[in-house]
Amino acid sequence: MGLPLLRKFKMPQLETCNGSTDPLVHLETYKSLMHLQAVPDEVMCRAFPVTLKGSARAWFNKLPPGSIRSFKELSTSFVSYFIAGQLNGKPATHLLTVKQGKYESLRAYTTRVNKEVVQIDEADDNVSITAYIAGLYSGQFLYLLSQEPPKTQAELMLRAQKHMNAEEAIYARRTHDGFDPQAGPSQVGEFPPPDKKRRESTRKTGGEPKNKKVDSRSSPNRGKAGGPAQGQYKQFTSLIATAKQIRSIL
């Protein structure tokens, strides 16, 4: 406290800590900003309580007088006291609970997995890859990964990105060709069947589409003797040969 502040010293602007956030993050940010001004250890100790509020400020005020001899000791005491406020990471086994939905796209599933991976304590590539493959619902990409598993998480994400791009390009093309854009891929690597519209037309009309040909042999207007439908012909072409001549030809 007896050391005068530097003439050009400016208090760094950073968010104050109340003890509920990660103490290491706050401490490292404070040190980085102070080192830019090349301030001595004594000034770092003197300015540090200005960055505290709430329970953190109350903790500092309760420190016994003369108990801190360096900024290193102050840092150690601060982190040790508020380490419980640090965000607790999730175990690696948590990744096994992330499953792809039946109608969830590969991109949406991959995004969810990546959000969970960053919350895992010391996430291992083997665990991440195994959990990702185990969580896939079905589809061509699952088959490809099972045939040639990736060796690293980076390789897995690269292959997933390529497959997602190809999947979305095919879906965009099929949508452009007249398929329902609201249907979307039913699951990874699968799209609405080509005859979807035909089936929907059949369900709505209660039968086959109107343009389907009907076998004349099953027509109710067909003659009893197997001849043409009754009333179908009104005019006939005159013959130029006698019946006897026709029988001789046959």
Protein backbone atom coordinates (compact mmCIF):
# COMPACT_ATOMS: atom_id res chain seq x y z
CA MET A 1 0.00 0.00 0.00
CA GLY A 2 3.00 2.31 0.50
CA LEU A 3 4.13 2.06 -3.12
CA PRO A 4 2.84 5.00 -5.19
CA LEU A 5 0.92 4.25 -8.37
CA LEU A 6 2.56 4.82 -11.73
CA ARG A 7 1.93 8.24 -13.27
CA LYS A 8 0.37 6.80 -16.44
CA PHE A 9 -1.37 3.87 -14.75
CA LYS A 10 -4.95 3.21 -15.83
CA MET A 11 -7.25 0.77 -14.15
CA PRO A 12 -8.13 -1.98 -16.67
CA GLN A 13 -11.76 -2.23 -17.72
CA LEU A 14 -13.04 -5.73 -17.06
CA GLU A 15 -16.15 -7.31 -15.65
CA THR A 16 -16.14 -7.49 -11.87
CA CYS A 17 -16.20 -10.91 -10.21
CA ASN A 18 -18.77 -11.81 -7.56
CA GLY A 19 -17.36 -15.27 -6.82
CA SER A 20 -19.96 -17.26 -8.75
CA THR A 21 -17.96 -17.49 -11.98
CA ASP A 22 -14.68 -19.23 -12.82
CA PRO A 23 -11.97 -17.56 -10.67
CA LEU A 24 -9.20 -18.67 -13.05
CA VAL A 25 -10.78 -16.86 -15.99
CA HIS A 26 -11.13 -13.64 -14.02
CA LEU A 27 -7.60 -13.87 -12.67
CA GLU A 28 -5.97 -14.54 -16.04
CA THR A 29 -7.87 -11.69 -17.68
CA TYR A 30 -6.80 -9.30 -14.92
CA LYS A 31 -3.15 -10.34 -15.16
CA SER A 32 -3.08 -9.97 -18.94
CA LEU A 33 -4.44 -6.41 -18.81
CA MET A 34 -2.08 -5.40 -16.00
CA HIS A 35 0.98 -6.84 -17.72
CA LEU A 36 0.28 -4.63 -20.73
CA GLN A 37 1.15 -1.66 -18.51
CA ALA A 38 4.13 -3.41 -16.95
CA VAL A 39 2.93 -2.63 -13.42
CA PRO A 40 4.85 -4.07 -10.44
CA ASP A 41 3.55 -6.83 -8.18
CA GLU A 42 2.59 -4.37 -5.46
CA VAL A 43 0.28 -2.39 -7.74
CA MET A 44 -1.40 -5.60 -8.96
CA CYS A 45 -2.22 -6.48 -5.33
CA ARG A 46 -3.48 -2.98 -4.59
CA ALA A 47 -5.74 -2.77 -7.65
CA PHE A 48 -7.12 -6.29 -7.50
CA PRO A 49 -9.98 -5.66 -4.99
CA VAL A 50 -11.41 -3.05 -7.39
CA THR A 51 -12.28 -5.92 -9.73
CA LEU A 52 -14.30 -7.71 -7.04
CA LYS A 53 -17.88 -7.31 -5.84
CA GLY A 54 -20.40 -9.09 -3.69
CA SER A 55 -19.14 -12.18 -1.91
CA ALA A 56 -15.73 -11.87 -3.58
CA ARG A 57 -15.24 -8.38 -2.19
CA ALA A 58 -16.41 -9.59 1.23
CA TRP A 59 -13.81 -12.38 1.08
CA PHE A 60 -11.04 -9.88 0.38
CA ASN A 61 -12.09 -7.59 3.21
CA LYS A 62 -11.91 -10.51 5.66
CA LEU A 63 -8.28 -11.32 4.86
CA PRO A 64 -6.11 -10.82 7.95
CA PRO A 65 -3.91 -7.72 7.74
CA GLY A 66 -0.40 -8.51 6.54
CA SER A 67 -1.35 -12.04 5.43
CA ILE A 68 -0.58 -11.40 1.75
CA ARG A 69 3.09 -10.89 0.79
CA SER A 70 2.85 -11.15 -3.01
CA PHE A 71 0.37 -11.24 -5.84
CA LYS A 72 1.08 -14.94 -6.24
CA GLU A 73 -0.16 -15.56 -2.69
CA LEU A 74 -3.21 -13.39 -3.34
CA SER A 75 -3.98 -15.31 -6.50
CA THR A 76 -3.62 -18.69 -4.78
CA SER A 77 -5.88 -17.64 -1.92
CA PHE A 78 -8.51 -16.25 -4.29
CA VAL A 79 -8.65 -19.34 -6.51
CA SER A 80 -8.65 -21.77 -3.59
CA TYR A 81 -11.59 -20.02 -1.95
CA PHE A 82 -13.77 -19.66 -5.05
CA ILE A 83 -12.84 -22.83 -6.96
CA ALA A 84 -16.28 -24.25 -6.09
CA GLY A 85 -17.82 -21.57 -8.29
CA GLN A 86 -16.03 -22.92 -11.34
CA LEU A 87 -18.27 -24.64 -13.88
CA ASN A 88 -18.21 -28.37 -13.32
CA GLY A 89 -17.44 -30.36 -16.44
CA LYS A 90 -19.55 -33.36 -17.40
CA PRO A 91 -18.15 -36.91 -17.45
CA ALA A 92 -17.24 -38.49 -20.79
CA THR A 93 -20.06 -41.02 -20.37
CA HIS A 94 -22.53 -38.16 -20.78
CA LEU A 95 -21.87 -38.24 -24.53
CA LEU A 96 -23.48 -41.68 -24.71
CA THR A 97 -26.82 -40.11 -23.79
CA VAL A 98 -26.85 -37.95 -26.93
CA LYS A 99 -28.90 -39.74 -29.59
CA GLN A 100 -30.02 -38.68 -33.05
CA GLY A 101 -33.77 -38.34 -33.45
CA LYS A 102 -35.57 -40.42 -36.07
CA TYR A 103 -36.34 -37.34 -38.17
CA GLU A 104 -33.35 -35.23 -37.08
CA SER A 105 -30.92 -34.17 -39.79
CA LEU A 106 -27.26 -35.11 -39.60
CA ARG A 107 -26.27 -31.45 -39.29
CA ALA A 108 -28.56 -30.83 -36.32
CA TYR A 109 -27.31 -33.98 -34.59
CA THR A 110 -23.65 -33.07 -35.17
CA THR A 111 -24.22 -29.58 -33.77
CA ARG A 112 -25.75 -31.02 -30.59
CA VAL A 113 -22.87 -33.44 -30.13
CA ASN A 114 -20.25 -30.70 -30.53
CA LYS A 115 -21.97 -28.57 -27.88
CA GLU A 116 -21.77 -31.46 -25.43
CA VAL A 117 -18.14 -32.33 -26.26
CA VAL A 118 -16.87 -28.90 -25.15
CA GLN A 119 -18.47 -29.47 -21.74
CA ILE A 120 -16.65 -32.74 -21.13
CA ASP A 121 -13.64 -32.83 -18.82
CA GLU A 122 -10.61 -33.82 -20.89
CA ALA A 123 -12.65 -35.27 -23.74
CA ASP A 124 -10.80 -38.13 -25.44
CA ASP A 125 -11.04 -38.58 -29.22
CA ASN A 126 -11.81 -42.29 -28.94
CA VAL A 127 -14.68 -41.65 -26.54
CA SER A 128 -16.07 -38.81 -28.64
CA ILE A 129 -15.93 -40.84 -31.86
CA THR A 130 -17.50 -43.91 -30.27
CA ALA A 131 -20.32 -41.87 -28.72
CA TYR A 132 -20.99 -40.03 -32.00
CA ILE A 133 -21.29 -43.25 -34.02
CA ALA A 134 -23.36 -44.96 -31.34
CA GLY A 135 -25.78 -42.04 -31.32
CA LEU A 136 -26.50 -42.13 -35.06
CA TYR A 137 -30.01 -43.36 -35.83
CA SER A 138 -29.35 -45.06 -39.16
CA GLY A 139 -28.44 -44.26 -42.74
CA GLN A 140 -25.60 -44.37 -45.22
CA PHE A 141 -23.21 -42.30 -43.08
CA LEU A 142 -23.49 -44.76 -40.19
CA TYR A 143 -22.65 -47.58 -42.60
CA LEU A 144 -19.60 -45.72 -43.95
CA LEU A 145 -18.28 -45.01 -40.45
CA SER A 146 -18.74 -48.62 -39.39
CA GLN A 147 -16.77 -49.79 -42.44
CA GLU A 148 -13.92 -47.31 -41.94
CA PRO A 149 -13.97 -45.67 -38.47
CA PRO A 150 -12.19 -42.29 -38.24
CA LYS A 151 -9.00 -42.11 -36.18
CA THR A 152 -9.42 -38.59 -34.80
CA GLN A 153 -12.26 -36.24 -33.91
CA ALA A 154 -11.07 -33.81 -36.59
CA GLU A 155 -11.28 -36.53 -39.25
CA LEU A 156 -14.78 -37.44 -38.09
CA MET A 157 -15.99 -33.84 -38.35
CA LEU A 158 -14.42 -33.46 -41.80
CA ARG A 159 -16.17 -36.57 -43.11
CA ALA A 160 -19.42 -35.53 -41.47
CA GLN A 161 -19.23 -32.11 -43.13
CA LYS A 162 -18.70 -33.64 -46.57
CA HIS A 163 -21.62 -36.02 -46.08
CA MET A 164 -23.89 -33.24 -44.84
CA ASN A 165 -23.06 -31.07 -47.85
CA ALA A 166 -23.78 -33.93 -50.24
CA GLU A 167 -27.00 -34.86 -48.44
CA GLU A 168 -28.29 -31.28 -48.52
CA ALA A 169 -27.33 -30.84 -52.18
CA ILE A 170 -29.30 -33.97 -53.17
CA TYR A 171 -32.29 -32.87 -51.10
CA ALA A 172 -32.22 -29.40 -52.70
CA ARG A 173 -32.18 -30.98 -56.16
CA ARG A 174 -35.08 -33.30 -55.36
CA THR A 175 -37.05 -30.39 -53.90
CA HIS A 176 -36.42 -28.41 -57.09
CA ASP A 177 -37.74 -31.34 -59.13
CA GLY A 178 -41.13 -31.13 -57.45
CA PHE A 179 -40.96 -32.98 -54.14
CA ASP A 180 -42.57 -31.52 -51.05
CA PRO A 181 -40.02 -29.09 -49.47
CA GLN A 182 -41.72 -29.48 -46.11
CA ALA A 183 -41.16 -33.23 -45.99
CA GLY A 184 -37.40 -33.12 -45.59
CA PRO A 185 -35.18 -36.17 -45.30
CA SER A 186 -36.87 -38.76 -43.15
CA GLN A 187 -33.50 -39.65 -41.66
CA VAL A 188 -29.82 -39.68 -42.56
CA GLY A 189 -29.34 -40.55 -46.22
CA GLU A 190 -33.07 -41.03 -46.87
CA PHE A 191 -35.45 -38.79 -48.81
CA PRO A 192 -39.16 -38.83 -49.65
CA PRO A 193 -39.82 -41.80 -51.99
CA PRO A 194 -40.13 -40.96 -55.71
CA ASP A 195 -43.71 -42.22 -55.88
CA LYS A 196 -44.87 -40.16 -52.89
CA LYS A 197 -47.11 -37.89 -54.95
CA ARG A 198 -48.65 -40.87 -56.73
CA ARG A 199 -49.53 -42.52 -53.43
CA GLU A 200 -51.00 -39.29 -52.03
CA SER A 201 -53.14 -38.87 -55.17
CA THR A 202 -54.39 -42.43 -54.78
CA ARG A 203 -55.34 -41.86 -51.13
CA LYS A 204 -57.21 -38.62 -51.89
CA THR A 205 -59.22 -39.98 -54.85
CA GLY A 206 -59.80 -43.40 -53.37
CA GLY A 207 -58.19 -45.18 -56.31
CA GLU A 208 -55.50 -44.94 -58.94
CA PRO A 209 -54.78 -41.61 -60.67
CA LYS A 210 -57.20 -40.63 -63.42
CA ASN A 211 -54.66 -40.98 -66.20
CA LYS A 212 -54.12 -44.68 -65.54
CA LYS A 213 -55.24 -46.89 -68.44
CA VAL A 214 -58.16 -49.20 -67.80
CA ASP A 215 -58.17 -52.68 -69.31
CA SER A 216 -61.05 -52.85 -71.81
CA ARG A 217 -61.57 -56.51 -70.99
CA SER A 218 -62.71 -55.56 -67.48
CA SER A 219 -65.05 -52.81 -68.72
CA PRO A 220 -68.70 -53.28 -67.67
CA ASN A 221 -69.80 -52.16 -71.15
CA ARG A 222 -67.99 -54.99 -72.90
CA GLY A 223 -70.22 -57.31 -74.90
CA LYS A 224 -71.18 -60.68 -73.53
CA ALA A 225 -69.50 -62.55 -76.41
CA GLY A 226 -66.17 -60.82 -75.89
CA GLY A 227 -66.69 -58.31 -78.71
CA PRO A 228 -66.31 -54.57 -78.54
CA ALA A 229 -68.10 -52.51 -75.94
CA GLN A 230 -71.79 -52.02 -76.60
CA GLY A 231 -72.61 -48.81 -78.43
CA GLN A 232 -68.95 -48.04 -79.12
CA TYR A 233 -69.16 -48.23 -82.96
CA LYS A 234 -71.91 -46.53 -84.99
CA GLN A 235 -70.47 -46.85 -88.52
CA PHE A 236 -68.80 -49.80 -90.24
CA THR A 237 -66.57 -50.02 -93.33
CA SER A 238 -68.09 -51.95 -96.26
CA LEU A 239 -66.32 -55.16 -97.24
CA ILE A 240 -64.95 -55.56 -100.78
CA ALA A 241 -64.74 -59.37 -100.62
CA THR A 242 -67.33 -62.08 -100.14
CA ALA A 243 -67.48 -64.19 -97.02
CA LYS A 244 -66.34 -67.21 -99.01
CA GLN A 245 -63.20 -65.37 -100.19
CA ILE A 246 -62.37 -64.30 -96.63
CA ARG A 247 -62.73 -67.88 -95.30
CA SER A 248 -60.40 -69.13 -98.04
CA ILE A 249 -57.74 -66.65 -96.98
CA LEU A 250 -57.99 -67.63 -93.29
